[in-house]
Amino acid sequence: MRFRYGDLMSAPSAPTSPKLAPKPASWAYAEDFVEQSEALDRARHEAAELGLTPISRGAASVLTFVARAVQAKAVVEIGTGSGVSGLALFEGMQPDGILTSVDIESEHQQAARRAFLSVGLRTQRFRLIAGAALTVLPKLSDGAYDLVFVNADPLESADYVAQAIRLLRPGGVLAMADAFSHDHTADPSNTDDETEAVRLALTAVREHEELVSALLPVGGGLLVSARR
């Protein structure tokens, strides 16, 4: 008997066995597998002083990997923070690549600017736009970006995802941090506003016909989706 692809897609899937989940030591080993630069260390300390929680080392290494894999030259970041994710993106971007980063907090962007300049990045390679993302993003060009990274207000996750899909070129990648919503996403009994908003964004990505997606258990959960 031969199976068709459609048959496999319609067949009920078996739940994943907990035995396949890594032990905490293995998870930590994976998170710290790629050595972090001194600039990233400094940006993390700056984040702590600003009361921010930056993406984990594992998530940062994935961003660098993805940026290198798609040979990113045009990247949008939603949520600048202290520059941790921006530095990770720059490590994988092309030498002439440009990062457009949006954050409502200008103080955070000042920290990111210092971080970028500390590694010798020219000011022409980054645009730091202070403002509400949903006001700024619609002004950016359709299909003009290789990578869009979302790390901002979880309540607006679905709107960010919709903008990201519009901005991406075919073959471009969307990445979204904190997809586990502090371990609440997988708990069906948790229906707080932030968790529901994240679930809505995840569902929109998973069901979008032009996206091929994976949810990676790094940091607080990293969603990655490539546009067809």
C-alpha atoms as a PDB file:
ATOM      1  CA  MET A   1       0.000   0.000   0.000  1.00  0.00           C
ATOM      2  CA  ARG A   2       1.356   3.435  -0.949  1.00  0.00           C
ATOM      3  CA  PHE A   3       0.668   6.535   1.095  1.00  0.00           C
ATOM      4  CA  ARG A   4       0.024   9.893  -0.461  1.00  0.00           C
ATOM      5  CA  TYR A   5       1.206  13.129   1.133  1.00  0.00           C
ATOM      6  CA  GLY A   6      -2.397  14.211   1.679  1.00  0.00           C
ATOM      7  CA  ASP A   7      -3.111  10.997   3.568  1.00  0.00           C
ATOM      8  CA  LEU A   8      -0.236  11.704   5.922  1.00  0.00           C
ATOM      9  CA  MET A   9      -1.343  15.282   6.488  1.00  0.00           C
ATOM     10  CA  SER A  10      -4.889  14.224   7.375  1.00  0.00           C
ATOM     11  CA  ALA A  11      -3.874  11.370   9.660  1.00  0.00           C
ATOM     12  CA  PRO A  12      -4.091  12.070  13.417  1.00  0.00           C
ATOM     13  CA  SER A  13      -0.685  12.793  14.909  1.00  0.00           C
ATOM     14  CA  ALA A  14       0.630  11.023  17.980  1.00  0.00           C
ATOM     15  CA  PRO A  15       1.608  13.230  20.912  1.00  0.00           C
ATOM     16  CA  THR A  16       5.302  13.804  21.449  1.00  0.00           C
ATOM     17  CA  SER A  17       6.781  11.611  24.164  1.00  0.00           C
ATOM     18  CA  PRO A  18       8.181  13.466  27.195  1.00  0.00           C
ATOM     19  CA  LYS A  19      11.113  11.057  26.993  1.00  0.00           C
ATOM     20  CA  LEU A  20      12.331  13.029  23.988  1.00  0.00           C
ATOM     21  CA  ALA A  21      12.625  16.261  25.978  1.00  0.00           C
ATOM     22  CA  PRO A  22      16.211  17.160  26.962  1.00  0.00           C
ATOM     23  CA  LYS A  23      17.292  17.251  30.570  1.00  0.00           C
ATOM     24  CA  PRO A  24      17.982  20.712  32.049  1.00  0.00           C
ATOM     25  CA  ALA A  25      21.729  20.133  31.760  1.00  0.00           C
ATOM     26  CA  SER A  26      21.391  19.385  28.036  1.00  0.00           C
ATOM     27  CA  TRP A  27      19.204  22.445  27.527  1.00  0.00           C
ATOM     28  CA  ALA A  28      21.784  24.630  29.286  1.00  0.00           C
ATOM     29  CA  TYR A  29      24.587  23.052  27.243  1.00  0.00           C
ATOM     30  CA  ALA A  30      22.733  23.910  24.038  1.00  0.00           C
ATOM     31  CA  GLU A  31      22.008  27.454  25.205  1.00  0.00           C
ATOM     32  CA  ASP A  32      25.682  28.107  25.916  1.00  0.00           C
ATOM     33  CA  PHE A  33      27.053  26.079  22.989  1.00  0.00           C
ATOM     34  CA  VAL A  34      28.077  29.177  21.020  1.00  0.00           C
ATOM     35  CA  GLU A  35      30.457  31.470  22.857  1.00  0.00           C
ATOM     36  CA  GLN A  36      29.150  34.977  23.413  1.00  0.00           C
ATOM     37  CA  SER A  37      31.158  38.014  22.397  1.00  0.00           C
ATOM     38  CA  GLU A  38      32.304  40.640  24.888  1.00  0.00           C
ATOM     39  CA  ALA A  39      30.037  43.176  23.185  1.00  0.00           C
ATOM     40  CA  LEU A  40      27.025  40.944  23.787  1.00  0.00           C
ATOM     41  CA  ASP A  41      28.076  40.531  27.418  1.00  0.00           C
ATOM     42  CA  ARG A  42      28.214  44.310  27.830  1.00  0.00           C
ATOM     43  CA  ALA A  43      24.826  44.735  26.152  1.00  0.00           C
ATOM     44  CA  ARG A  44      23.332  42.162  28.524  1.00  0.00           C
ATOM     45  CA  HIS A  45      24.682  44.066  31.534  1.00  0.00           C
ATOM     46  CA  GLU A  46      23.214  47.250  30.079  1.00  0.00           C
ATOM     47  CA  ALA A  47      19.867  45.484  29.684  1.00  0.00           C
ATOM     48  CA  ALA A  48      19.901  44.493  33.350  1.00  0.00           C
ATOM     49  CA  GLU A  49      20.545  48.103  34.371  1.00  0.00           C
ATOM     50  CA  LEU A  50      17.579  49.185  32.253  1.00  0.00           C
ATOM     51  CA  GLY A  51      15.352  46.503  33.780  1.00  0.00           C
ATOM     52  CA  LEU A  52      15.142  44.568  30.500  1.00  0.00           C
ATOM     53  CA  THR A  53      15.298  40.827  29.879  1.00  0.00           C
ATOM     54  CA  PRO A  54      17.223  40.258  26.634  1.00  0.00           C
ATOM     55  CA  ILE A  55      16.966  37.166  24.476  1.00  0.00           C
ATOM     56  CA  SER A  56      18.949  34.162  25.695  1.00  0.00           C
ATOM     57  CA  ARG A  57      22.328  33.097  24.353  1.00  0.00           C
ATOM     58  CA  GLY A  58      20.693  30.256  22.470  1.00  0.00           C
ATOM     59  CA  ALA A  59      18.158  32.559  20.844  1.00  0.00           C
ATOM     60  CA  ALA A  60      20.919  35.016  19.930  1.00  0.00           C
ATOM     61  CA  SER A  61      22.944  32.269  18.255  1.00  0.00           C
ATOM     62  CA  VAL A  62      19.886  31.205  16.244  1.00  0.00           C
ATOM     63  CA  LEU A  63      19.371  34.790  15.046  1.00  0.00           C
ATOM     64  CA  THR A  64      22.988  34.949  13.922  1.00  0.00           C
ATOM     65  CA  PHE A  65      22.619  31.614  12.153  1.00  0.00           C
ATOM     66  CA  VAL A  66      19.412  32.609  10.371  1.00  0.00           C
ATOM     67  CA  ALA A  67      20.811  35.981   9.292  1.00  0.00           C
ATOM     68  CA  ARG A  68      23.838  34.209   7.821  1.00  0.00           C
ATOM     69  CA  ALA A  69      21.737  31.461   6.202  1.00  0.00           C
ATOM     70  CA  VAL A  70      19.532  33.918   4.301  1.00  0.00           C
ATOM     71  CA  GLN A  71      22.498  36.244   3.616  1.00  0.00           C
ATOM     72  CA  ALA A  72      20.498  39.055   5.157  1.00  0.00           C
ATOM     73  CA  LYS A  73      21.161  42.571   3.911  1.00  0.00           C
ATOM     74  CA  ALA A  74      17.894  44.224   4.987  1.00  0.00           C
ATOM     75  CA  VAL A  75      16.585  43.388   8.471  1.00  0.00           C
ATOM     76  CA  VAL A  76      13.770  44.800  10.586  1.00  0.00           C
ATOM     77  CA  GLU A  77      13.789  44.460  14.362  1.00  0.00           C
ATOM     78  CA  ILE A  78      10.677  45.192  16.417  1.00  0.00           C
ATOM     79  CA  GLY A  79      11.955  45.919  19.921  1.00  0.00           C
ATOM     80  CA  THR A  80      15.492  47.310  20.055  1.00  0.00           C
ATOM     81  CA  GLY A  81      16.217  46.743  23.733  1.00  0.00           C
ATOM     82  CA  SER A  82      19.826  47.375  24.700  1.00  0.00           C
ATOM     83  CA  GLY A  83      21.162  45.981  21.430  1.00  0.00           C
ATOM     84  CA  VAL A  84      21.623  42.293  22.329  1.00  0.00           C
ATOM     85  CA  SER A  85      19.503  40.964  19.478  1.00  0.00           C
ATOM     86  CA  GLY A  86      20.802  43.651  17.119  1.00  0.00           C
ATOM     87  CA  LEU A  87      24.405  42.605  17.741  1.00  0.00           C
ATOM     88  CA  ALA A  88      23.443  38.962  17.187  1.00  0.00           C
ATOM     89  CA  LEU A  89      21.792  39.878  13.889  1.00  0.00           C
ATOM     90  CA  PHE A  90      24.767  41.939  12.746  1.00  0.00           C
ATOM     91  CA  GLU A  91      27.102  39.002  13.391  1.00  0.00           C
ATOM     92  CA  GLY A  92      25.228  37.045  10.717  1.00  0.00           C
ATOM     93  CA  MET A  93      24.296  39.831   8.293  1.00  0.00           C
ATOM     94  CA  GLN A  94      26.186  40.732   5.144  1.00  0.00           C
ATOM     95  CA  PRO A  95      28.973  43.324   5.578  1.00  0.00           C
ATOM     96  CA  ASP A  96      26.837  45.996   3.919  1.00  0.00           C
ATOM     97  CA  GLY A  97      23.591  44.927   5.581  1.00  0.00           C
ATOM     98  CA  ILE A  98      21.323  47.503   7.219  1.00  0.00           C
ATOM     99  CA  LEU A  99      19.268  46.996  10.386  1.00  0.00           C
ATOM    100  CA  THR A 100      16.074  48.998  10.901  1.00  0.00           C
ATOM    101  CA  SER A 101      15.133  48.756  14.565  1.00  0.00           C
ATOM    102  CA  VAL A 102      11.971  50.175  16.117  1.00  0.00           C
ATOM    103  CA  ASP A 103      11.373  50.767  19.823  1.00  0.00           C
ATOM    104  CA  ILE A 104       9.080  53.052  21.738  1.00  0.00           C
ATOM    105  CA  GLU A 105      11.794  53.731  24.341  1.00  0.00           C
ATOM    106  CA  SER A 106      14.486  56.111  23.102  1.00  0.00           C
ATOM    107  CA  GLU A 107      16.627  55.381  26.199  1.00  0.00           C
ATOM    108  CA  HIS A 108      16.867  51.748  25.134  1.00  0.00           C
ATOM    109  CA  GLN A 109      17.916  52.779  21.654  1.00  0.00           C
ATOM    110  CA  GLN A 110      20.662  54.991  23.048  1.00  0.00           C
ATOM    111  CA  ALA A 111      22.083  51.910  24.769  1.00  0.00           C
ATOM    112  CA  ALA A 112      21.824  49.929  21.528  1.00  0.00           C
ATOM    113  CA  ARG A 113      23.575  52.696  19.616  1.00  0.00           C
ATOM    114  CA  ARG A 114      26.472  52.559  22.076  1.00  0.00           C
ATOM    115  CA  ALA A 115      26.625  48.790  21.675  1.00  0.00           C
ATOM    116  CA  PHE A 116      26.691  49.003  17.877  1.00  0.00           C
ATOM    117  CA  LEU A 117      29.331  51.719  17.803  1.00  0.00           C
ATOM    118  CA  SER A 118      31.480  49.776  20.286  1.00  0.00           C
ATOM    119  CA  VAL A 119      32.016  47.018  17.697  1.00  0.00           C
ATOM    120  CA  GLY A 120      32.857  49.450  14.913  1.00  0.00           C
ATOM    121  CA  LEU A 121      29.528  49.471  13.095  1.00  0.00           C
ATOM    122  CA  ARG A 122      29.079  52.573  10.941  1.00  0.00           C
ATOM    123  CA  THR A 123      26.006  54.666  11.660  1.00  0.00           C
ATOM    124  CA  GLN A 124      24.906  54.116   8.047  1.00  0.00           C
ATOM    125  CA  ARG A 125      24.308  50.448   8.884  1.00  0.00           C
ATOM    126  CA  PHE A 126      21.526  50.970  11.412  1.00  0.00           C
ATOM    127  CA  ARG A 127      18.355  53.014  11.560  1.00  0.00           C
ATOM    128  CA  LEU A 128      17.017  53.375  15.091  1.00  0.00           C
ATOM    129  CA  ILE A 129      13.445  54.619  14.931  1.00  0.00           C
ATOM    130  CA  ALA A 130      11.836  55.710  18.199  1.00  0.00           C
ATOM    131  CA  GLY A 131       8.092  55.224  18.014  1.00  0.00           C
ATOM    132  CA  ALA A 132       5.196  52.806  18.202  1.00  0.00           C
ATOM    133  CA  ALA A 133       5.909  49.843  15.926  1.00  0.00           C
ATOM    134  CA  LEU A 134       2.402  49.695  14.490  1.00  0.00           C
ATOM    135  CA  THR A 135       2.760  53.319  13.418  1.00  0.00           C
ATOM    136  CA  VAL A 136       6.235  52.870  11.927  1.00  0.00           C
ATOM    137  CA  LEU A 137       5.990  49.456  10.239  1.00  0.00           C
ATOM    138  CA  PRO A 138       3.213  50.328   7.736  1.00  0.00           C
ATOM    139  CA  LYS A 139       5.572  52.966   6.290  1.00  0.00           C
ATOM    140  CA  LEU A 140       8.181  50.311   5.356  1.00  0.00           C
ATOM    141  CA  SER A 141       8.162  48.781   1.873  1.00  0.00           C
ATOM    142  CA  ASP A 142       6.407  45.525   1.034  1.00  0.00           C
ATOM    143  CA  GLY A 143       8.605  42.514   0.307  1.00  0.00           C
ATOM    144  CA  ALA A 144      11.836  44.446   0.848  1.00  0.00           C
ATOM    145  CA  TYR A 145      13.343  42.619   3.818  1.00  0.00           C
ATOM    146  CA  ASP A 146      15.264  39.392   4.321  1.00  0.00           C
ATOM    147  CA  LEU A 147      14.540  38.971   8.024  1.00  0.00           C
ATOM    148  CA  VAL A 148      12.094  40.410  10.535  1.00  0.00           C
ATOM    149  CA  PHE A 149      12.633  39.824  14.252  1.00  0.00           C
ATOM    150  CA  VAL A 150       9.769  40.429  16.688  1.00  0.00           C
ATOM    151  CA  ASN A 151      10.547  41.023  20.359  1.00  0.00           C
ATOM    152  CA  ALA A 152       8.060  43.577  21.633  1.00  0.00           C
ATOM    153  CA  ASP A 153       4.674  43.971  23.324  1.00  0.00           C
ATOM    154  CA  PRO A 154       3.113  40.455  23.360  1.00  0.00           C
ATOM    155  CA  LEU A 155      -0.382  41.946  23.266  1.00  0.00           C
ATOM    156  CA  GLU A 156       0.345  43.155  19.729  1.00  0.00           C
ATOM    157  CA  SER A 157       2.054  39.955  18.544  1.00  0.00           C
ATOM    158  CA  ALA A 158      -0.518  39.105  15.880  1.00  0.00           C
ATOM    159  CA  ASP A 159      -0.317  42.611  14.405  1.00  0.00           C
ATOM    160  CA  TYR A 160       3.485  42.457  14.336  1.00  0.00           C
ATOM    161  CA  VAL A 161       3.338  39.089  12.590  1.00  0.00           C
ATOM    162  CA  ALA A 162       0.937  40.437   9.959  1.00  0.00           C
ATOM    163  CA  GLN A 163       3.286  43.347   9.269  1.00  0.00           C
ATOM    164  CA  ALA A 164       6.304  41.040   9.179  1.00  0.00           C
ATOM    165  CA  ILE A 165       4.739  38.794   6.548  1.00  0.00           C
ATOM    166  CA  ARG A 166       4.025  41.827   4.394  1.00  0.00           C
ATOM    167  CA  LEU A 167       7.586  43.087   4.750  1.00  0.00           C
ATOM    168  CA  LEU A 168       9.338  39.802   3.914  1.00  0.00           C
ATOM    169  CA  ARG A 169      10.604  38.883   0.470  1.00  0.00           C
ATOM    170  CA  PRO A 170      10.040  35.308  -0.762  1.00  0.00           C
ATOM    171  CA  GLY A 171      12.572  33.201   1.130  1.00  0.00           C
ATOM    172  CA  GLY A 172      12.758  35.755   3.934  1.00  0.00           C
ATOM    173  CA  VAL A 173      12.419  34.695   7.574  1.00  0.00           C
ATOM    174  CA  LEU A 174      10.233  35.843  10.450  1.00  0.00           C
ATOM    175  CA  ALA A 175      11.526  35.198  13.977  1.00  0.00           C
ATOM    176  CA  MET A 176       9.513  35.889  17.132  1.00  0.00           C
ATOM    177  CA  ALA A 177      10.884  35.722  20.674  1.00  0.00           C
ATOM    178  CA  ASP A 178       9.105  34.601  23.862  1.00  0.00           C
ATOM    179  CA  ALA A 179       6.709  32.335  21.993  1.00  0.00           C
ATOM    180  CA  PHE A 180       6.223  30.250  25.162  1.00  0.00           C
ATOM    181  CA  SER A 181       4.866  33.325  26.962  1.00  0.00           C
ATOM    182  CA  HIS A 182       6.630  32.482  30.241  1.00  0.00           C
ATOM    183  CA  ASP A 183       5.600  28.817  29.877  1.00  0.00           C
ATOM    184  CA  HIS A 184       1.907  29.762  29.643  1.00  0.00           C
ATOM    185  CA  THR A 185       1.331  29.106  25.930  1.00  0.00           C
ATOM    186  CA  ALA A 186       1.207  25.320  26.289  1.00  0.00           C
ATOM    187  CA  ASP A 187      -1.143  25.472  29.295  1.00  0.00           C
ATOM    188  CA  PRO A 188      -4.731  25.505  27.980  1.00  0.00           C
ATOM    189  CA  SER A 189      -6.031  26.614  31.373  1.00  0.00           C
ATOM    190  CA  ASN A 190      -4.076  29.863  31.104  1.00  0.00           C
ATOM    191  CA  THR A 191      -6.161  32.439  29.267  1.00  0.00           C
ATOM    192  CA  ASP A 192      -4.596  35.742  30.278  1.00  0.00           C
ATOM    193  CA  ASP A 193      -4.537  38.438  27.612  1.00  0.00           C
ATOM    194  CA  GLU A 194      -0.841  38.201  26.783  1.00  0.00           C
ATOM    195  CA  THR A 195      -0.880  34.430  26.425  1.00  0.00           C
ATOM    196  CA  GLU A 196      -3.973  34.506  24.239  1.00  0.00           C
ATOM    197  CA  ALA A 197      -2.390  37.168  22.044  1.00  0.00           C
ATOM    198  CA  VAL A 198       0.739  35.054  21.593  1.00  0.00           C
ATOM    199  CA  ARG A 199      -1.384  31.989  20.781  1.00  0.00           C
ATOM    200  CA  LEU A 200      -3.254  34.019  18.168  1.00  0.00           C
ATOM    201  CA  ALA A 201       0.030  35.023  16.538  1.00  0.00           C
ATOM    202  CA  LEU A 202       1.340  31.444  16.580  1.00  0.00           C
ATOM    203  CA  THR A 203      -1.858  30.126  15.039  1.00  0.00           C
ATOM    204  CA  ALA A 204      -1.783  32.776  12.312  1.00  0.00           C
ATOM    205  CA  VAL A 205       1.769  31.783  11.409  1.00  0.00           C
ATOM    206  CA  ARG A 206       1.134  28.031  11.560  1.00  0.00           C
ATOM    207  CA  GLU A 207      -1.906  28.266   9.313  1.00  0.00           C
ATOM    208  CA  HIS A 208      -0.485  30.751   6.812  1.00  0.00           C
ATOM    209  CA  GLU A 209      -0.150  29.082   3.415  1.00  0.00           C
ATOM    210  CA  GLU A 210       2.976  31.057   2.479  1.00  0.00           C
ATOM    211  CA  LEU A 211       4.976  30.178   5.597  1.00  0.00           C
ATOM    212  CA  VAL A 212       7.015  27.146   6.604  1.00  0.00           C
ATOM    213  CA  SER A 213       7.430  27.279  10.376  1.00  0.00           C
ATOM    214  CA  ALA A 214       9.099  25.738  13.402  1.00  0.00           C
ATOM    215  CA  LEU A 215       8.849  26.534  17.103  1.00  0.00           C
ATOM    216  CA  LEU A 216      12.271  26.153  18.705  1.00  0.00           C
ATOM    217  CA  PRO A 217      12.720  25.492  22.452  1.00  0.00           C
ATOM    218  CA  VAL A 218      15.495  28.050  22.913  1.00  0.00           C
ATOM    219  CA  GLY A 219      15.277  30.898  25.379  1.00  0.00           C
ATOM    220  CA  GLY A 220      11.624  31.645  26.010  1.00  0.00           C
ATOM    221  CA  GLY A 221      10.621  29.899  22.778  1.00  0.00           C
ATOM    222  CA  LEU A 222      11.669  31.152  19.347  1.00  0.00           C
ATOM    223  CA  LEU A 223       9.254  30.952  16.430  1.00  0.00           C
ATOM    224  CA  VAL A 224      10.915  30.901  13.004  1.00  0.00           C
ATOM    225  CA  SER A 225       9.028  31.010   9.714  1.00  0.00           C
ATOM    226  CA  ALA A 226      10.311  31.170   6.157  1.00  0.00           C
ATOM    227  CA  ARG A 227       8.158  32.750   3.499  1.00  0.00           C
ATOM    228  CA  ARG A 228       7.685  30.643   0.372  1.00  0.00           C
END
